[in-house]
Amino acid sequence: MFSLVRPSEEDIERFLSGSRRLPLSYQPVGLATSGALGFDVDEETTVLGRGEAVFERARQALTRWAHFRLGWVDIFPRHAPIVPETDVAVLIYHLGFWSLNGCRVVYSIGGTSQTEFGFAYGTLTNHAEAGEELFKVVFDPASGDVTYVIRAVSKTRSPLARTGYPVVRSLQSRFREDSARMMRIAVSDQRSGLL
């Protein structure tokens, strides 16, 4: 969905309601871990800090979708659970207009693991692209480093996205960088529960 004005809460809720009936726009689930022919594969890895306390704050930040609170990108519902079958709407402001894109959480990573935590979502058929994106935090007990990893496997679906492919790739890169920056802020801020 594209709009010259920011969609209202009612518009977003209608979009989400319609998304719940839609299938994923790609196959197979797990694409973000394996890649596929014809899809772009991108990964951003950033060190967030060191120690178990940083890892716990990073886990909490992912659970709160802090990595999507970018100003020009947001997620709805704001407190969506990161469990499989949860549908979300990604709201993006770009090039002077707004777009809503449907995604579904397709798997979780780590559960109660003390070294890895995260999830992946996949695009629905009302998304301008097709693919899967993985968001996780990893704790290395040997070094103490906590890293944030975004791995995206995608290709354009809509005619507008195909026409503007260089712009799409630039926005994807900007998202990865901004998301990593927000995760660094979330884990360093003692008030990180506010993000």
N, C-alpha and C. Protein backbone atom coordinates (compact mmCIF):
# COMPACT_ATOMS: atom_id res chain seq x y z
N MET A 1 0.85 -1.17 0.00
CA MET A 1 0.00 0.00 0.00
C MET A 1 0.89 1.24 0.00
N PHE A 2 0.67 2.14 -0.92
CA PHE A 2 1.43 3.38 -1.04
C PHE A 2 0.49 4.55 -0.80
N SER A 3 1.00 5.61 -0.14
CA SER A 3 0.17 6.76 0.18
C SER A 3 1.02 8.01 0.27
N LEU A 4 0.45 9.15 -0.14
CA LEU A 4 1.15 10.43 -0.01
C LEU A 4 1.04 10.98 1.41
N VAL A 5 0.09 10.47 2.19
CA VAL A 5 -0.06 10.89 3.58
C VAL A 5 0.17 9.69 4.49
N ARG A 6 0.61 9.96 5.70
CA ARG A 6 0.86 8.87 6.65
C ARG A 6 -0.45 8.13 6.92
N PRO A 7 -0.46 6.81 6.78
CA PRO A 7 -1.68 6.05 7.06
C PRO A 7 -2.12 6.24 8.52
N SER A 8 -3.41 6.31 8.72
CA SER A 8 -3.96 6.46 10.07
C SER A 8 -3.87 5.11 10.80
N GLU A 9 -4.10 5.14 12.09
CA GLU A 9 -4.13 3.90 12.87
C GLU A 9 -5.18 2.94 12.30
N GLU A 10 -6.33 3.50 11.87
CA GLU A 10 -7.40 2.68 11.29
C GLU A 10 -6.95 2.06 9.97
N ASP A 11 -6.23 2.84 9.15
CA ASP A 11 -5.70 2.31 7.88
C ASP A 11 -4.74 1.15 8.15
N ILE A 12 -3.88 1.33 9.13
CA ILE A 12 -2.89 0.30 9.46
C ILE A 12 -3.58 -0.94 9.99
N GLU A 13 -4.60 -0.76 10.82
CA GLU A 13 -5.34 -1.92 11.35
C GLU A 13 -6.06 -2.67 10.24
N ARG A 14 -6.65 -1.94 9.28
CA ARG A 14 -7.31 -2.59 8.14
C ARG A 14 -6.29 -3.37 7.31
N PHE A 15 -5.11 -2.78 7.09
CA PHE A 15 -4.05 -3.44 6.36
C PHE A 15 -3.62 -4.72 7.07
N LEU A 16 -3.43 -4.64 8.39
CA LEU A 16 -3.05 -5.82 9.17
C LEU A 16 -4.12 -6.89 9.12
N SER A 17 -5.38 -6.47 9.23
CA SER A 17 -6.48 -7.43 9.20
C SER A 17 -6.49 -8.17 7.86
N GLY A 18 -6.28 -7.46 6.77
CA GLY A 18 -6.23 -8.09 5.46
C GLY A 18 -5.00 -8.97 5.28
N SER A 19 -3.92 -8.63 5.98
CA SER A 19 -2.68 -9.40 5.87
C SER A 19 -2.82 -10.80 6.45
N ARG A 20 -3.67 -10.95 7.43
CA ARG A 20 -3.78 -12.23 8.15
C ARG A 20 -4.27 -13.37 7.25
N ARG A 21 -4.86 -13.04 6.12
CA ARG A 21 -5.35 -14.08 5.20
C ARG A 21 -4.36 -14.40 4.09
N LEU A 22 -3.27 -13.65 4.03
CA LEU A 22 -2.36 -13.76 2.89
C LEU A 22 -1.25 -14.79 3.11
N PRO A 23 -0.81 -15.41 2.01
CA PRO A 23 0.33 -16.33 2.11
C PRO A 23 1.65 -15.57 2.04
N LEU A 24 2.73 -16.27 2.36
CA LEU A 24 4.06 -15.72 2.14
C LEU A 24 4.28 -15.56 0.64
N SER A 25 5.14 -14.62 0.26
CA SER A 25 5.38 -14.34 -1.16
C SER A 25 6.64 -15.05 -1.68
N TYR A 26 7.15 -15.99 -0.93
CA TYR A 26 8.37 -16.70 -1.31
C TYR A 26 8.34 -18.10 -0.70
N GLN A 27 9.25 -18.92 -1.15
CA GLN A 27 9.46 -20.26 -0.58
C GLN A 27 10.93 -20.58 -0.73
N PRO A 28 11.49 -21.39 0.09
CA PRO A 28 10.96 -21.99 1.30
C PRO A 28 11.23 -21.11 2.52
N VAL A 29 10.50 -21.35 3.60
CA VAL A 29 10.82 -20.71 4.87
C VAL A 29 12.22 -21.18 5.26
N GLY A 30 13.02 -20.27 5.75
CA GLY A 30 14.41 -20.57 6.08
C GLY A 30 15.38 -19.97 5.08
N LEU A 31 14.84 -19.23 4.12
CA LEU A 31 15.62 -18.62 3.05
C LEU A 31 16.75 -17.74 3.61
N ALA A 32 16.51 -17.07 4.74
CA ALA A 32 17.52 -16.15 5.30
C ALA A 32 18.75 -16.89 5.80
N THR A 33 18.64 -18.16 6.07
CA THR A 33 19.81 -18.90 6.53
C THR A 33 20.55 -19.59 5.38
N SER A 34 19.86 -19.76 4.25
CA SER A 34 20.49 -20.50 3.15
C SER A 34 20.71 -19.68 1.89
N GLY A 35 19.90 -18.65 1.64
CA GLY A 35 19.99 -17.90 0.39
C GLY A 35 19.31 -18.68 -0.74
N ALA A 36 19.20 -18.04 -1.89
CA ALA A 36 18.57 -18.69 -3.05
C ALA A 36 18.95 -17.95 -4.32
N LEU A 37 18.98 -18.69 -5.41
CA LEU A 37 19.28 -18.13 -6.71
C LEU A 37 18.25 -17.06 -7.06
N GLY A 38 18.71 -15.92 -7.56
CA GLY A 38 17.81 -14.84 -7.96
C GLY A 38 17.45 -13.88 -6.84
N PHE A 39 17.94 -14.12 -5.64
CA PHE A 39 17.68 -13.24 -4.50
C PHE A 39 18.97 -12.52 -4.12
N ASP A 40 18.84 -11.26 -3.71
CA ASP A 40 19.96 -10.53 -3.14
C ASP A 40 20.15 -11.00 -1.70
N VAL A 41 21.39 -11.17 -1.29
CA VAL A 41 21.70 -11.58 0.08
C VAL A 41 22.55 -10.48 0.71
N ASP A 42 22.08 -9.95 1.83
CA ASP A 42 22.79 -8.88 2.53
C ASP A 42 22.88 -9.21 4.01
N GLU A 43 24.00 -8.84 4.60
CA GLU A 43 24.17 -9.07 6.03
C GLU A 43 24.91 -7.91 6.66
N GLU A 44 24.46 -7.52 7.82
CA GLU A 44 25.11 -6.49 8.63
C GLU A 44 25.35 -7.10 9.99
N THR A 45 26.58 -7.03 10.46
CA THR A 45 26.93 -7.52 11.78
C THR A 45 27.63 -6.40 12.53
N THR A 46 27.19 -6.14 13.74
CA THR A 46 27.81 -5.08 14.53
C THR A 46 27.97 -5.55 15.98
N VAL A 47 29.08 -5.20 16.57
CA VAL A 47 29.32 -5.51 17.98
C VAL A 47 28.57 -4.48 18.82
N LEU A 48 27.74 -4.97 19.74
CA LEU A 48 26.95 -4.10 20.60
C LEU A 48 27.64 -3.79 21.92
N GLY A 49 28.53 -4.65 22.32
CA GLY A 49 29.20 -4.49 23.60
C GLY A 49 29.69 -5.83 24.09
N ARG A 50 29.92 -5.92 25.41
CA ARG A 50 30.45 -7.15 25.98
C ARG A 50 29.68 -7.53 27.23
N GLY A 51 29.54 -8.83 27.41
CA GLY A 51 29.01 -9.35 28.65
C GLY A 51 27.56 -9.79 28.59
N GLU A 52 27.20 -10.58 29.61
CA GLU A 52 25.86 -11.15 29.69
C GLU A 52 24.78 -10.08 29.86
N ALA A 53 25.09 -9.00 30.58
CA ALA A 53 24.10 -7.94 30.78
C ALA A 53 23.76 -7.27 29.45
N VAL A 54 24.76 -7.05 28.60
CA VAL A 54 24.52 -6.47 27.28
C VAL A 54 23.69 -7.43 26.43
N PHE A 55 24.01 -8.73 26.51
CA PHE A 55 23.23 -9.73 25.77
C PHE A 55 21.77 -9.71 26.20
N GLU A 56 21.52 -9.62 27.49
CA GLU A 56 20.14 -9.59 27.98
C GLU A 56 19.43 -8.32 27.51
N ARG A 57 20.10 -7.16 27.55
CA ARG A 57 19.47 -5.93 27.05
C ARG A 57 19.20 -6.04 25.55
N ALA A 58 20.11 -6.68 24.81
CA ALA A 58 19.90 -6.87 23.37
C ALA A 58 18.71 -7.78 23.10
N ARG A 59 18.58 -8.84 23.89
CA ARG A 59 17.40 -9.73 23.76
C ARG A 59 16.11 -8.94 23.98
N GLN A 60 16.10 -8.15 25.03
CA GLN A 60 14.91 -7.35 25.34
C GLN A 60 14.62 -6.34 24.23
N ALA A 61 15.67 -5.73 23.69
CA ALA A 61 15.48 -4.75 22.60
C ALA A 61 14.85 -5.41 21.37
N LEU A 62 15.31 -6.62 21.02
CA LEU A 62 14.69 -7.33 19.89
C LEU A 62 13.23 -7.63 20.18
N THR A 63 12.94 -8.06 21.39
CA THR A 63 11.57 -8.39 21.77
C THR A 63 10.65 -7.17 21.66
N ARG A 64 11.19 -5.98 21.91
CA ARG A 64 10.43 -4.73 21.82
C ARG A 64 10.47 -4.11 20.43
N TRP A 65 11.14 -4.77 19.47
CA TRP A 65 11.31 -4.25 18.12
C TRP A 65 12.02 -2.91 18.13
N ALA A 66 12.93 -2.68 19.06
CA ALA A 66 13.67 -1.42 19.13
C ALA A 66 14.45 -1.16 17.84
N HIS A 67 14.83 -2.23 17.15
CA HIS A 67 15.60 -2.11 15.91
C HIS A 67 14.77 -1.57 14.74
N PHE A 68 13.47 -1.37 14.96
CA PHE A 68 12.59 -0.79 13.94
C PHE A 68 12.15 0.63 14.28
N ARG A 69 12.53 1.17 15.40
CA ARG A 69 12.11 2.52 15.82
C ARG A 69 13.06 3.56 15.21
N LEU A 70 12.97 3.73 13.91
CA LEU A 70 13.95 4.53 13.18
C LEU A 70 13.45 5.91 12.77
N GLY A 71 12.20 6.20 12.99
CA GLY A 71 11.64 7.46 12.53
C GLY A 71 11.07 7.33 11.13
N TRP A 72 11.88 6.85 10.20
CA TRP A 72 11.40 6.67 8.82
C TRP A 72 10.89 5.25 8.59
N VAL A 73 11.09 4.36 9.56
CA VAL A 73 10.56 2.99 9.53
C VAL A 73 9.97 2.72 10.90
N ASP A 74 8.83 2.04 10.92
CA ASP A 74 8.22 1.63 12.18
C ASP A 74 7.46 0.32 11.96
N ILE A 75 7.09 -0.31 13.06
CA ILE A 75 6.43 -1.62 13.00
C ILE A 75 5.09 -1.54 13.73
N PHE A 76 4.10 -2.25 13.22
CA PHE A 76 2.78 -2.30 13.87
C PHE A 76 2.29 -3.74 13.85
N PRO A 77 1.66 -4.21 14.91
CA PRO A 77 1.47 -3.50 16.16
C PRO A 77 2.81 -3.27 16.86
N ARG A 78 2.89 -2.21 17.62
CA ARG A 78 4.15 -1.79 18.24
C ARG A 78 4.73 -2.84 19.18
N HIS A 79 3.91 -3.64 19.80
CA HIS A 79 4.39 -4.65 20.76
C HIS A 79 4.04 -6.06 20.27
N ALA A 80 4.19 -6.28 18.99
CA ALA A 80 3.88 -7.59 18.41
C ALA A 80 4.81 -8.66 19.01
N PRO A 81 4.25 -9.81 19.38
CA PRO A 81 5.13 -10.87 19.87
C PRO A 81 6.00 -11.41 18.74
N ILE A 82 7.22 -11.80 19.08
CA ILE A 82 8.14 -12.32 18.05
C ILE A 82 8.05 -13.85 18.01
N VAL A 83 6.83 -14.32 17.84
CA VAL A 83 6.58 -15.76 17.75
C VAL A 83 6.01 -16.07 16.37
N PRO A 84 6.28 -17.28 15.86
CA PRO A 84 5.78 -17.64 14.54
C PRO A 84 4.27 -17.42 14.39
N GLU A 85 3.90 -16.99 13.20
CA GLU A 85 2.52 -16.71 12.78
C GLU A 85 2.04 -15.32 13.19
N THR A 86 2.90 -14.50 13.79
CA THR A 86 2.54 -13.12 14.12
C THR A 86 2.69 -12.27 12.87
N ASP A 87 1.63 -11.57 12.48
CA ASP A 87 1.67 -10.68 11.32
C ASP A 87 1.96 -9.27 11.77
N VAL A 88 2.80 -8.58 11.00
CA VAL A 88 3.14 -7.19 11.30
C VAL A 88 3.08 -6.38 10.01
N ALA A 89 2.89 -5.07 10.20
CA ALA A 89 2.94 -4.13 9.08
C ALA A 89 4.17 -3.25 9.28
N VAL A 90 5.00 -3.19 8.26
CA VAL A 90 6.18 -2.33 8.29
C VAL A 90 5.81 -1.04 7.56
N LEU A 91 5.86 0.07 8.30
CA LEU A 91 5.53 1.38 7.75
C LEU A 91 6.85 2.08 7.40
N ILE A 92 6.96 2.54 6.16
CA ILE A 92 8.20 3.18 5.69
C ILE A 92 7.86 4.51 5.03
N TYR A 93 8.65 5.54 5.38
CA TYR A 93 8.55 6.83 4.71
C TYR A 93 9.78 6.97 3.82
N HIS A 94 9.56 7.10 2.52
CA HIS A 94 10.68 7.19 1.58
C HIS A 94 10.26 7.97 0.34
N LEU A 95 11.17 8.78 -0.15
CA LEU A 95 10.97 9.54 -1.39
C LEU A 95 9.68 10.35 -1.39
N GLY A 96 9.28 10.83 -0.22
CA GLY A 96 8.10 11.69 -0.14
C GLY A 96 6.77 10.96 -0.03
N PHE A 97 6.77 9.64 0.12
CA PHE A 97 5.51 8.92 0.31
C PHE A 97 5.70 7.81 1.32
N TRP A 98 4.56 7.25 1.75
CA TRP A 98 4.52 6.19 2.76
C TRP A 98 4.17 4.87 2.09
N SER A 99 4.71 3.79 2.64
CA SER A 99 4.29 2.47 2.19
C SER A 99 4.09 1.56 3.40
N LEU A 100 3.13 0.67 3.27
CA LEU A 100 2.88 -0.38 4.25
C LEU A 100 3.18 -1.70 3.59
N ASN A 101 3.92 -2.55 4.30
CA ASN A 101 4.32 -3.85 3.76
C ASN A 101 4.05 -4.92 4.79
N GLY A 102 3.38 -5.99 4.39
CA GLY A 102 3.02 -7.06 5.31
C GLY A 102 4.10 -8.11 5.45
N CYS A 103 4.34 -8.51 6.71
CA CYS A 103 5.31 -9.57 7.02
C CYS A 103 4.73 -10.49 8.08
N ARG A 104 5.30 -11.68 8.17
CA ARG A 104 4.88 -12.66 9.18
C ARG A 104 6.12 -13.27 9.82
N VAL A 105 6.13 -13.31 11.15
CA VAL A 105 7.23 -13.98 11.85
C VAL A 105 7.14 -15.46 11.47
N VAL A 106 8.25 -16.01 10.96
CA VAL A 106 8.23 -17.39 10.47
C VAL A 106 8.99 -18.36 11.36
N TYR A 107 9.95 -17.90 12.13
CA TYR A 107 10.60 -18.76 13.11
C TYR A 107 11.35 -17.94 14.15
N SER A 108 11.60 -18.58 15.27
CA SER A 108 12.36 -17.98 16.37
C SER A 108 13.73 -18.64 16.41
N ILE A 109 14.67 -17.95 17.02
CA ILE A 109 16.04 -18.44 17.13
C ILE A 109 16.44 -18.43 18.60
N GLY A 110 16.93 -19.54 19.09
CA GLY A 110 17.54 -19.57 20.41
C GLY A 110 16.65 -19.88 21.58
N GLY A 111 15.43 -19.38 21.57
CA GLY A 111 14.54 -19.62 22.71
C GLY A 111 15.19 -19.22 24.02
N THR A 112 15.53 -20.21 24.83
CA THR A 112 16.16 -19.94 26.12
C THR A 112 17.68 -20.04 26.05
N SER A 113 18.24 -20.13 24.86
CA SER A 113 19.69 -20.23 24.68
C SER A 113 20.39 -19.06 25.36
N GLN A 114 21.52 -19.34 25.94
CA GLN A 114 22.31 -18.29 26.58
C GLN A 114 23.32 -17.66 25.62
N THR A 115 23.30 -18.07 24.34
CA THR A 115 24.28 -17.53 23.39
C THR A 115 23.67 -16.96 22.11
N GLU A 116 22.41 -17.21 21.83
CA GLU A 116 21.81 -16.75 20.58
C GLU A 116 20.31 -16.54 20.78
N PHE A 117 19.80 -15.43 20.23
CA PHE A 117 18.38 -15.12 20.37
C PHE A 117 17.94 -14.27 19.19
N GLY A 118 16.75 -14.55 18.67
CA GLY A 118 16.22 -13.72 17.61
C GLY A 118 15.04 -14.34 16.90
N PHE A 119 14.79 -13.85 15.69
CA PHE A 119 13.66 -14.33 14.91
C PHE A 119 13.85 -13.92 13.46
N ALA A 120 13.03 -14.49 12.60
CA ALA A 120 13.00 -14.09 11.19
C ALA A 120 11.55 -13.84 10.79
N TYR A 121 11.37 -12.86 9.91
CA TYR A 121 10.05 -12.70 9.33
C TYR A 121 10.16 -12.80 7.82
N GLY A 122 9.03 -13.20 7.22
CA GLY A 122 8.95 -13.33 5.78
C GLY A 122 7.92 -12.37 5.22
N THR A 123 8.11 -12.01 3.96
CA THR A 123 7.19 -11.09 3.30
C THR A 123 5.89 -11.80 2.90
N LEU A 124 4.81 -11.05 2.99
CA LEU A 124 3.51 -11.52 2.51
C LEU A 124 3.29 -10.99 1.10
N THR A 125 2.22 -11.41 0.47
CA THR A 125 1.97 -11.01 -0.92
C THR A 125 1.56 -9.54 -1.06
N ASN A 126 1.37 -8.82 0.06
CA ASN A 126 1.09 -7.38 -0.01
C ASN A 126 2.36 -6.57 0.30
N HIS A 127 3.51 -7.17 0.11
CA HIS A 127 4.80 -6.52 0.32
C HIS A 127 5.42 -6.23 -1.04
N ALA A 128 6.14 -5.12 -1.17
CA ALA A 128 6.75 -4.74 -2.45
C ALA A 128 7.90 -5.66 -2.83
N GLU A 129 8.41 -6.42 -1.87
CA GLU A 129 9.50 -7.34 -2.13
C GLU A 129 9.09 -8.74 -1.71
N ALA A 130 9.94 -9.71 -2.05
CA ALA A 130 9.74 -11.09 -1.63
C ALA A 130 11.02 -11.52 -0.92
N GLY A 131 10.86 -12.17 0.22
CA GLY A 131 12.04 -12.68 0.90
C GLY A 131 11.87 -12.78 2.40
N GLU A 132 13.00 -12.95 3.06
CA GLU A 132 13.01 -13.22 4.49
C GLU A 132 14.14 -12.42 5.13
N GLU A 133 13.89 -11.97 6.35
CA GLU A 133 14.90 -11.21 7.07
C GLU A 133 15.05 -11.76 8.48
N LEU A 134 16.29 -11.98 8.86
CA LEU A 134 16.62 -12.55 10.15
C LEU A 134 17.26 -11.47 11.03
N PHE A 135 16.84 -11.42 12.29
CA PHE A 135 17.38 -10.48 13.26
C PHE A 135 17.79 -11.30 14.48
N LYS A 136 19.06 -11.24 14.85
CA LYS A 136 19.47 -12.00 16.03
C LYS A 136 20.62 -11.32 16.75
N VAL A 137 20.74 -11.67 18.03
CA VAL A 137 21.88 -11.25 18.83
C VAL A 137 22.61 -12.50 19.28
N VAL A 138 23.94 -12.41 19.30
CA VAL A 138 24.77 -13.57 19.62
C VAL A 138 25.76 -13.17 20.70
N PHE A 139 25.87 -14.02 21.71
CA PHE A 139 26.85 -13.82 22.79
C PHE A 139 27.94 -14.86 22.64
N ASP A 140 29.19 -14.40 22.53
CA ASP A 140 30.35 -15.28 22.43
C ASP A 140 30.96 -15.40 23.82
N PRO A 141 30.75 -16.55 24.51
CA PRO A 141 31.27 -16.68 25.87
C PRO A 141 32.79 -16.55 25.96
N ALA A 142 33.50 -16.92 24.91
CA ALA A 142 34.96 -16.86 24.95
C ALA A 142 35.47 -15.42 24.98
N SER A 143 34.92 -14.57 24.12
CA SER A 143 35.39 -13.17 24.05
C SER A 143 34.52 -12.23 24.88
N GLY A 144 33.28 -12.66 25.14
CA GLY A 144 32.33 -11.78 25.82
C GLY A 144 31.59 -10.85 24.88
N ASP A 145 31.94 -10.86 23.59
CA ASP A 145 31.31 -9.96 22.62
C ASP A 145 29.85 -10.33 22.39
N VAL A 146 29.05 -9.29 22.26
CA VAL A 146 27.63 -9.45 21.87
C VAL A 146 27.48 -8.77 20.52
N THR A 147 27.01 -9.51 19.53
CA THR A 147 26.84 -8.96 18.20
C THR A 147 25.37 -9.00 17.79
N TYR A 148 25.02 -8.05 16.94
CA TYR A 148 23.70 -7.99 16.33
C TYR A 148 23.88 -8.32 14.86
N VAL A 149 23.06 -9.23 14.36
CA VAL A 149 23.15 -9.67 12.98
C VAL A 149 21.80 -9.47 12.30
N ILE A 150 21.84 -8.82 11.14
CA ILE A 150 20.68 -8.76 10.24
C ILE A 150 21.11 -9.46 8.97
N ARG A 151 20.32 -10.43 8.55
CA ARG A 151 20.60 -11.12 7.28
C ARG A 151 19.31 -11.11 6.48
N ALA A 152 19.37 -10.50 5.30
CA ALA A 152 18.19 -10.38 4.45
C ALA A 152 18.43 -11.06 3.11
N VAL A 153 17.44 -11.81 2.67
CA VAL A 153 17.45 -12.45 1.36
C VAL A 153 16.18 -11.96 0.66
N SER A 154 16.34 -11.19 -0.41
CA SER A 154 15.17 -10.54 -0.99
C SER A 154 15.30 -10.34 -2.50
N LYS A 155 14.15 -10.12 -3.11
CA LYS A 155 14.08 -9.67 -4.50
C LYS A 155 12.83 -8.82 -4.65
N THR A 156 12.83 -7.93 -5.63
CA THR A 156 11.69 -7.04 -5.83
C THR A 156 10.50 -7.82 -6.39
N ARG A 157 9.30 -7.39 -6.01
CA ARG A 157 8.07 -8.00 -6.50
C ARG A 157 7.22 -7.00 -7.28
N SER A 158 7.00 -5.82 -6.70
CA SER A 158 6.09 -4.86 -7.33
C SER A 158 6.79 -4.16 -8.49
N PRO A 159 6.02 -3.74 -9.49
CA PRO A 159 6.61 -3.01 -10.62
C PRO A 159 7.35 -1.75 -10.18
N LEU A 160 6.80 -1.04 -9.19
CA LEU A 160 7.45 0.18 -8.71
C LEU A 160 8.81 -0.14 -8.09
N ALA A 161 8.88 -1.20 -7.29
CA ALA A 161 10.15 -1.60 -6.68
C ALA A 161 11.16 -2.05 -7.74
N ARG A 162 10.69 -2.76 -8.77
CA ARG A 162 11.60 -3.19 -9.85
C ARG A 162 12.14 -1.98 -10.61
N THR A 163 11.26 -1.03 -10.89
CA THR A 163 11.68 0.17 -11.61
C THR A 163 12.70 0.97 -10.79
N GLY A 164 12.49 1.04 -9.50
CA GLY A 164 13.38 1.80 -8.63
C GLY A 164 14.39 0.94 -7.90
N TYR A 165 14.85 -0.14 -8.53
CA TYR A 165 15.74 -1.10 -7.89
C TYR A 165 16.95 -0.45 -7.19
N PRO A 166 17.67 0.48 -7.83
CA PRO A 166 18.81 1.10 -7.12
C PRO A 166 18.38 1.83 -5.84
N VAL A 167 17.23 2.46 -5.88
CA VAL A 167 16.72 3.15 -4.69
C VAL A 167 16.34 2.14 -3.62
N VAL A 168 15.70 1.04 -4.02
CA VAL A 168 15.33 -0.03 -3.08
C VAL A 168 16.58 -0.54 -2.38
N ARG A 169 17.64 -0.80 -3.14
CA ARG A 169 18.88 -1.32 -2.55
C ARG A 169 19.49 -0.31 -1.58
N SER A 170 19.40 0.96 -1.92
CA SER A 170 19.92 2.01 -1.03
C SER A 170 19.12 2.07 0.27
N LEU A 171 17.80 1.96 0.17
CA LEU A 171 16.95 1.97 1.37
C LEU A 171 17.21 0.73 2.23
N GLN A 172 17.43 -0.41 1.60
CA GLN A 172 17.73 -1.62 2.37
C GLN A 172 19.03 -1.44 3.15
N SER A 173 20.03 -0.88 2.51
CA SER A 173 21.31 -0.64 3.18
C SER A 173 21.15 0.35 4.34
N ARG A 174 20.41 1.41 4.09
CA ARG A 174 20.15 2.41 5.14
C ARG A 174 19.43 1.76 6.32
N PHE A 175 18.45 0.90 6.03
CA PHE A 175 17.72 0.23 7.12
C PHE A 175 18.68 -0.59 7.98
N ARG A 176 19.54 -1.39 7.35
CA ARG A 176 20.46 -2.22 8.11
C ARG A 176 21.36 -1.37 9.00
N GLU A 177 21.90 -0.29 8.45
CA GLU A 177 22.78 0.59 9.23
C GLU A 177 22.03 1.26 10.38
N ASP A 178 20.84 1.81 10.10
CA ASP A 178 20.06 2.48 11.14
C ASP A 178 19.58 1.51 12.20
N SER A 179 19.22 0.30 11.79
CA SER A 179 18.77 -0.71 12.74
C SER A 179 19.90 -1.09 13.69
N ALA A 180 21.09 -1.28 13.15
CA ALA A 180 22.25 -1.59 13.99
C ALA A 180 22.54 -0.44 14.96
N ARG A 181 22.42 0.79 14.48
CA ARG A 181 22.64 1.96 15.34
C ARG A 181 21.62 1.98 16.48
N MET A 182 20.35 1.68 16.18
CA MET A 182 19.32 1.67 17.22
C MET A 182 19.57 0.57 18.24
N MET A 183 20.08 -0.57 17.79
CA MET A 183 20.41 -1.63 18.74
C MET A 183 21.57 -1.22 19.65
N ARG A 184 22.57 -0.52 19.10
CA ARG A 184 23.67 -0.03 19.94
C ARG A 184 23.15 0.94 20.99
N ILE A 185 22.24 1.82 20.58
CA ILE A 185 21.64 2.77 21.52
C ILE A 185 20.84 2.03 22.59
N ALA A 186 20.05 1.06 22.16
CA ALA A 186 19.18 0.32 23.09
C ALA A 186 19.97 -0.40 24.17
N VAL A 187 21.10 -1.01 23.81
CA VAL A 187 21.85 -1.77 24.81
C VAL A 187 22.73 -0.88 25.67
N SER A 188 23.07 0.32 25.18
CA SER A 188 23.93 1.20 25.97
C SER A 188 23.13 2.11 26.89
N ASP A 189 21.87 2.31 26.58
CA ASP A 189 21.03 3.20 27.37
C ASP A 189 20.49 2.46 28.59
N GLN A 190 20.84 2.93 29.76
CA GLN A 190 20.37 2.29 31.00
C GLN A 190 18.84 2.35 31.09
N ARG A 191 18.25 3.24 30.32
CA ARG A 191 16.80 3.35 30.28
C ARG A 191 16.27 2.63 29.04
N SER A 192 16.99 1.61 28.55
CA SER A 192 16.67 0.96 27.27
C SER A 192 15.26 0.41 27.21
N GLY A 193 14.63 0.21 28.34
CA GLY A 193 13.25 -0.25 28.35
C GLY A 193 12.30 0.75 27.73
N LEU A 194 12.76 2.00 27.55
CA LEU A 194 11.90 3.03 26.97
C LEU A 194 11.82 2.95 25.45
N LEU A 195 12.78 2.30 24.81
CA LEU A 195 12.78 2.24 23.34
C LEU A 195 11.74 1.29 22.81
